[in-house]
Protein backbone atom coordinates (compact mmCIF):
# COMPACT_ATOMS: atom_id res chain seq x y z
CA MET A 1 88.20 66.99 206.80
CA GLN A 2 85.78 64.15 208.24
CA PRO A 3 82.79 63.57 206.92
CA SER A 4 79.66 64.83 208.93
CA PRO A 5 76.86 62.63 210.46
CA THR A 6 73.75 63.15 208.78
CA PRO A 7 71.15 63.92 211.49
CA PRO A 8 68.60 61.15 212.17
CA HIS A 9 65.19 61.80 209.96
CA PRO A 10 62.42 61.16 211.66
CA HIS A 11 60.04 61.38 208.20
CA PRO A 12 60.80 60.41 204.31
CA VAL A 13 63.78 62.29 202.93
CA SER A 14 64.47 63.57 199.39
CA THR A 15 67.93 64.57 198.33
CA ILE A 16 69.78 66.36 195.83
CA GLN A 17 73.81 66.04 194.98
CA PHE A 18 76.30 68.11 193.65
CA GLY A 19 80.04 67.45 192.57
CA MET A 20 82.62 69.35 193.22
CA HIS A 21 85.60 67.42 191.63
CA ALA A 22 89.52 69.02 191.65
CA LYS A 23 92.18 66.74 193.20
CA ASP A 24 90.20 66.35 196.26
CA ASP A 25 86.40 65.03 196.07
CA THR A 26 83.73 67.40 197.68
CA ARG A 27 79.73 66.52 197.75
CA VAL A 28 77.06 68.60 198.81
CA ALA A 29 73.73 66.82 199.40
CA LEU A 30 70.66 68.93 199.99
CA HIS A 31 68.15 66.96 202.26
CA CYS A 32 64.49 68.14 202.31
CA ASP A 33 61.94 65.86 204.59
CA ASP A 34 58.02 66.32 204.33
CA GLU A 35 57.61 68.95 206.98
CA GLY A 36 59.69 71.34 205.18
CA CYS A 37 63.25 71.38 207.31
CA VAL A 38 66.46 71.12 204.53
CA TRP A 39 69.98 70.12 205.98
CA LEU A 40 73.11 70.40 203.97
CA HIS A 41 75.32 67.54 203.99
CA PHE A 42 79.02 68.30 203.26
CA THR A 43 81.08 65.28 202.51
CA THR A 44 85.11 65.74 201.47
CA THR A 45 87.51 63.12 200.15
CA VAL A 46 90.87 64.60 201.07
CA GLY A 47 93.93 64.68 198.62
CA GLU A 48 95.19 68.00 198.19
CA SER A 49 92.65 69.86 199.86
CA PRO A 50 91.53 73.40 197.43
CA GLY A 51 91.29 75.07 200.93
CA LEU A 52 88.22 76.42 203.16
CA CYS A 53 87.56 79.67 200.91
CA ALA A 54 87.33 77.22 198.16
CA PHE A 55 84.74 75.19 199.54
CA LEU A 56 82.84 77.92 200.83
CA LEU A 57 82.45 79.24 197.98
CA THR A 58 81.35 76.24 196.28
CA VAL A 59 78.91 75.56 198.82
CA ILE A 60 77.48 79.34 198.03
CA SER A 61 77.04 78.90 194.45
CA VAL A 62 75.44 75.68 194.85
CA ILE A 63 72.80 76.82 196.88
CA LEU A 64 72.67 79.97 194.76
CA ILE A 65 71.87 78.04 191.59
CA ILE A 66 69.34 76.06 193.86
CA VAL A 67 67.30 78.95 195.09
CA THR A 68 67.40 80.14 191.34
CA LEU A 69 66.15 77.23 189.83
CA PRO A 70 65.15 76.80 187.08
CA PHE A 71 66.60 80.25 186.01
CA SER A 72 70.22 79.37 186.93
CA LEU A 73 69.85 76.14 184.23
CA PHE A 74 70.61 79.27 181.65
CA LEU A 75 73.53 79.58 183.13
CA CYS A 76 74.56 76.14 184.25
CA ILE A 77 73.74 74.53 180.96
CA LYS A 78 76.02 74.79 177.84
CA VAL A 79 76.40 73.34 174.64
CA VAL A 80 79.62 72.32 172.45
CA GLN A 81 79.35 71.27 168.75
CA GLU A 82 80.39 68.27 167.30
CA TYR A 83 84.05 69.11 165.89
CA GLU A 84 84.60 71.34 169.44
CA ARG A 85 85.82 70.17 173.26
CA ALA A 86 85.33 72.40 176.31
CA VAL A 87 88.07 72.19 179.43
CA ILE A 88 86.71 73.04 182.13
CA PHE A 89 88.45 74.64 185.61
CA ARG A 90 87.12 74.82 188.70
CA LEU A 91 88.31 77.87 190.99
CA GLY A 92 91.75 77.54 188.64
CA ARG A 93 91.82 73.53 188.56
CA LEU A 94 91.66 71.96 186.07
CA VAL A 95 88.35 69.22 186.53
CA ARG A 96 89.14 65.66 186.33
CA GLY A 97 87.65 63.29 183.39
CA GLY A 98 89.37 65.48 180.71
CA ALA A 99 87.38 67.57 177.98
CA LYS A 100 84.07 67.83 177.65
CA GLY A 101 81.91 67.01 174.57
CA PRO A 102 80.16 67.27 172.20
CA GLY A 103 76.99 68.02 173.36
CA ILE A 104 75.58 69.04 176.45
CA PHE A 105 77.62 69.77 179.37
CA PHE A 106 76.89 71.59 182.97
CA ILE A 107 79.37 74.16 185.02
CA ILE A 108 78.79 75.88 188.18
CA PRO A 109 78.41 79.65 186.44
CA CYS A 110 80.56 81.46 189.81
CA ILE A 111 83.38 79.02 190.15
CA ASP A 112 83.51 77.27 186.71
CA SER A 113 85.53 78.77 183.62
CA TYR A 114 85.79 76.94 180.72
CA CYS A 115 87.52 77.11 177.05
CA LYS A 116 86.33 75.97 173.86
CA VAL A 117 89.08 74.03 171.47
CA ASP A 118 88.32 73.48 167.54
CA LEU A 119 89.24 69.70 166.66
CA ARG A 120 89.19 70.40 162.79
CA THR A 121 92.26 70.55 160.74
CA VAL A 122 94.23 74.37 160.91
CA SER A 123 96.18 74.94 158.15
CA PHE A 124 98.65 78.29 157.51
CA ASP A 125 101.04 79.42 155.42
CA VAL A 126 104.85 79.92 156.69
CA PRO A 127 105.99 83.31 155.82
CA PRO A 128 108.99 83.11 153.16
CA GLN A 129 112.49 82.68 154.90
CA GLU A 130 115.55 83.56 153.70
CA ILE A 131 117.87 80.86 153.81
CA LEU A 132 121.65 80.44 153.26
CA SER A 133 122.22 76.76 151.77
CA LYS A 134 124.76 74.21 152.21
CA ASP A 135 126.34 75.33 148.99
CA SER A 136 126.21 79.36 150.12
CA VAL A 137 123.44 80.03 148.05
CA THR A 138 120.54 82.83 149.18
CA VAL A 139 116.88 81.53 148.65
CA ALA A 140 113.74 82.38 149.87
CA VAL A 141 111.12 79.46 150.53
CA ASP A 142 107.46 79.27 151.78
CA ALA A 143 105.57 76.63 152.91
CA VAL A 144 102.49 75.25 153.84
CA VAL A 145 101.14 73.53 157.33
CA TYR A 146 98.10 71.41 158.01
CA TYR A 147 97.73 71.07 161.76
CA ARG A 148 94.73 69.49 164.18
CA ILE A 149 94.31 69.37 168.01
CA SER A 150 94.79 65.78 169.50
CA ASN A 151 94.38 66.56 173.13
CA ALA A 152 92.08 69.66 173.57
CA THR A 153 93.03 69.52 177.30
CA VAL A 154 96.98 69.79 177.27
CA ALA A 155 96.84 72.28 174.33
CA VAL A 156 94.91 74.72 176.62
CA SER A 157 96.93 73.50 179.96
CA ASN A 158 100.22 72.87 178.52
CA VAL A 159 100.79 75.89 175.91
CA GLU A 160 99.70 79.37 175.96
CA ASP A 161 99.15 79.88 172.37
CA TYR A 162 99.22 76.75 170.42
CA GLY A 163 98.88 78.02 167.26
CA ARG A 164 101.14 81.11 167.54
CA SER A 165 103.40 78.32 169.22
CA THR A 166 103.15 76.07 166.19
CA ARG A 167 103.75 78.80 163.69
CA LEU A 168 106.87 79.90 165.53
CA LEU A 169 108.15 76.19 165.37
CA ALA A 170 107.14 76.00 161.50
CA ALA A 171 109.09 78.68 160.56
CA THR A 172 112.24 77.79 162.45
CA THR A 173 112.24 74.19 161.28
CA LEU A 174 111.83 75.16 157.58
CA ARG A 175 114.99 77.26 158.04
CA ASN A 176 116.88 74.20 160.28
CA VAL A 177 115.84 71.50 157.52
CA LEU A 178 116.94 73.66 153.93
CA GLY A 179 120.28 74.83 155.51
CA THR A 180 121.69 71.04 155.52
CA ARG A 181 120.63 71.51 151.83
CA ASP A 182 122.35 72.11 148.67
CA LEU A 183 120.32 74.40 146.49
CA SER A 184 119.74 71.12 143.64
CA GLN A 185 118.77 68.97 146.80
CA ILE A 186 116.21 72.05 147.49
CA LEU A 187 114.79 72.26 143.84
CA SER A 188 114.47 68.17 143.37
CA GLU A 189 113.66 66.91 146.42
CA ARG A 190 111.01 68.77 147.38
CA GLU A 191 108.70 65.83 148.68
CA SER A 192 111.39 64.65 150.99
CA ILE A 193 112.27 67.75 152.41
CA SER A 194 108.25 68.23 153.24
CA HIS A 195 108.52 64.68 155.13
CA VAL A 196 111.48 66.01 157.34
CA MET A 197 109.86 68.80 158.02
CA GLN A 198 106.50 66.94 159.02
CA SER A 199 108.13 64.25 161.45
CA SER A 200 110.19 66.98 163.14
CA LEU A 201 107.04 69.71 164.03
CA ASP A 202 105.49 66.33 165.08
CA GLU A 203 107.34 65.17 167.44
CA ALA A 204 108.11 68.78 168.57
CA THR A 205 104.02 69.68 169.40
CA ASP A 206 103.28 66.22 170.51
CA PRO A 207 103.72 67.36 173.96
CA TRP A 208 101.53 70.48 173.21
CA GLY A 209 98.09 68.33 172.19
CA VAL A 210 98.80 69.24 168.56
CA LYS A 211 98.95 66.80 165.62
CA VAL A 212 100.75 68.26 162.47
CA GLU A 213 99.20 66.28 159.47
CA ARG A 214 100.93 67.60 156.54
CA VAL A 215 103.85 70.08 155.05
CA GLU A 216 103.95 71.30 151.68
CA ILE A 217 107.07 73.48 150.33
CA LYS A 218 105.04 76.26 148.20
CA ASP A 219 107.54 78.16 146.33
CA VAL A 220 111.44 78.80 146.06
CA ARG A 221 112.09 82.05 145.23
CA LEU A 222 116.31 82.69 143.65
CA PRO A 223 118.17 85.61 143.77
CA VAL A 224 117.82 87.81 140.32
CA GLN A 225 121.38 87.41 139.48
CA LEU A 226 121.38 83.75 140.14
CA GLN A 227 118.51 83.05 137.58
CA ARG A 228 120.11 85.27 134.87
CA ALA A 229 122.85 82.61 135.24
CA MET A 230 120.80 79.88 135.33
CA ALA A 231 119.27 80.94 132.56
CA ALA A 232 122.33 81.28 130.32
CA GLU A 233 123.47 78.15 131.41
CA ALA A 234 120.34 76.39 130.35
CA GLU A 235 120.50 78.05 127.26
CA ALA A 236 124.01 77.33 126.30
CA ALA A 237 123.21 73.85 127.27
CA ARG A 238 120.66 73.84 124.65
CA GLU A 239 122.69 75.47 121.61
CA ALA A 240 125.17 73.19 122.52
CA ARG A 241 122.80 69.84 122.20
CA ALA A 242 121.13 71.71 119.14
CA LYS A 243 124.93 71.75 117.56
CA VAL A 244 125.72 68.28 118.12
CA ILE A 245 121.63 67.26 116.84
CA ALA A 246 122.93 69.42 113.72
CA ALA A 247 126.28 67.70 113.09
CA GLU A 248 125.02 64.33 113.34
CA GLY A 249 122.06 65.21 110.76
CA GLU A 250 125.28 66.27 108.39
CA GLN A 251 126.92 63.38 108.78
CA ARG A 252 123.84 61.00 108.05
CA ALA A 253 123.37 63.15 105.30
CA SER A 254 126.74 62.80 103.41
CA ARG A 255 126.80 59.31 104.20
CA ALA A 256 123.30 59.10 101.99
CA LEU A 257 124.91 61.57 99.40
CA LYS A 258 127.89 59.14 99.30
CA GLU A 259 125.63 55.87 98.76
CA ALA A 260 123.95 57.75 96.02
CA ALA A 261 127.32 59.07 94.06
CA ASP A 262 128.19 54.96 94.24
CA VAL A 263 124.87 54.00 92.76
CA ILE A 264 124.73 56.81 89.73
CA ALA A 265 128.83 56.25 89.12
CA ASP A 266 127.75 52.44 88.40
CA THR A 267 124.54 53.47 86.19
CA PRO A 268 125.27 56.53 83.89
CA ALA A 269 121.88 56.64 82.87
CA ALA A 270 120.74 57.49 86.27
CA LEU A 271 122.55 61.07 86.10
CA GLN A 272 120.70 61.72 83.45
CA LEU A 273 117.71 60.76 84.36
CA ARG A 274 118.07 62.66 87.79
CA TYR A 275 118.90 65.66 85.44
CA LEU A 276 115.61 65.53 83.93
CA GLN A 277 113.78 65.29 87.02
CA THR A 278 115.16 68.37 88.38
CA LEU A 279 114.46 70.26 85.39
CA SER A 280 110.74 68.91 85.79
CA SER A 281 110.96 70.35 88.89
CA ILE A 282 112.15 73.71 87.97
CA ALA A 283 109.55 73.97 85.05
CA ALA A 284 106.49 73.30 87.53
CA GLU A 285 107.35 76.66 89.37
CA LYS A 286 106.43 78.45 85.85
CA ASN A 287 109.79 80.22 85.62
CA SER A 288 110.03 82.12 82.20
CA THR A 289 114.13 81.27 81.52
CA ILE A 290 115.81 78.16 81.89
CA VAL A 291 119.11 77.56 81.74
CA PHE A 292 120.50 74.30 80.19
CA PRO A 293 124.53 73.43 80.73
CA VAL A 294 125.97 73.03 77.18
CA ARG A 295 127.59 69.64 77.76
CA HIS A 296 124.15 67.97 79.28
CA LEU A 297 122.67 69.96 75.83
CA SER A 298 124.82 68.22 73.61
CA ILE A 299 124.08 64.74 75.20
CA MET A 300 120.62 65.66 74.56
CA ASN A 301 121.26 66.28 70.95
CA ALA A 302 123.55 63.25 70.13
CA VAL A 303 120.50 61.12 71.83
């Protein structure tokens, strides 16, 4: 559509312009002179034209906004919060310039629709997944995922429900990653598994405008029989260590006794002193009867 010439105006003119942007550029200008005459001036730069019907709807909507001023401003002015962005569609086409906000933005009520997108970090729990590990052990694993929207326009236009899609992808990725690990690795390498999951999810959700910030493995639940077997194995290992420690103690004690016997054998009086020390400790316990060996008693009488 070629730009239509503006009629000559013998008097001063005031102009109000409204823009319509899709892949083409259509502008509607309202010219008013001092005599009260009004002209509508349309200018269209053709890219991919939305069609005559869309053009007429735009013109009619603009005229209605002008006629109903200032009441139409209540429908034209919208506000989004600091953590939100508004993605605007005009007659089904994405408006150029990307998402609007934060703050005030304007829409044409009759032909515009918009969608608010929250940019704050969102967390969700991945339901427990029954996973067969690399060593053929069935475990149930759940996790938590933190993500945020990095591109509001892409998140709205490229995927139907970015939240649900991210949840399903997280559950699938959890099963795929843990299926390549042994049970011992799953139990001991949670941090590395979380890092691998976060990288994989972030790469897969990038075309959706979603940024996965963090993934954490919450819990690994084992079958009851496997828990009993692992508990029995751990108990047996503890008993074996206890026996080894007791044997080492007996060995050290026997060496100490041998050294003491060698000292007593060199000094006969040391045995008698040890005997008297033993009697003294027995007497301290307030026993009524003390039995003395006869041989040692005769030695005491001789002394």
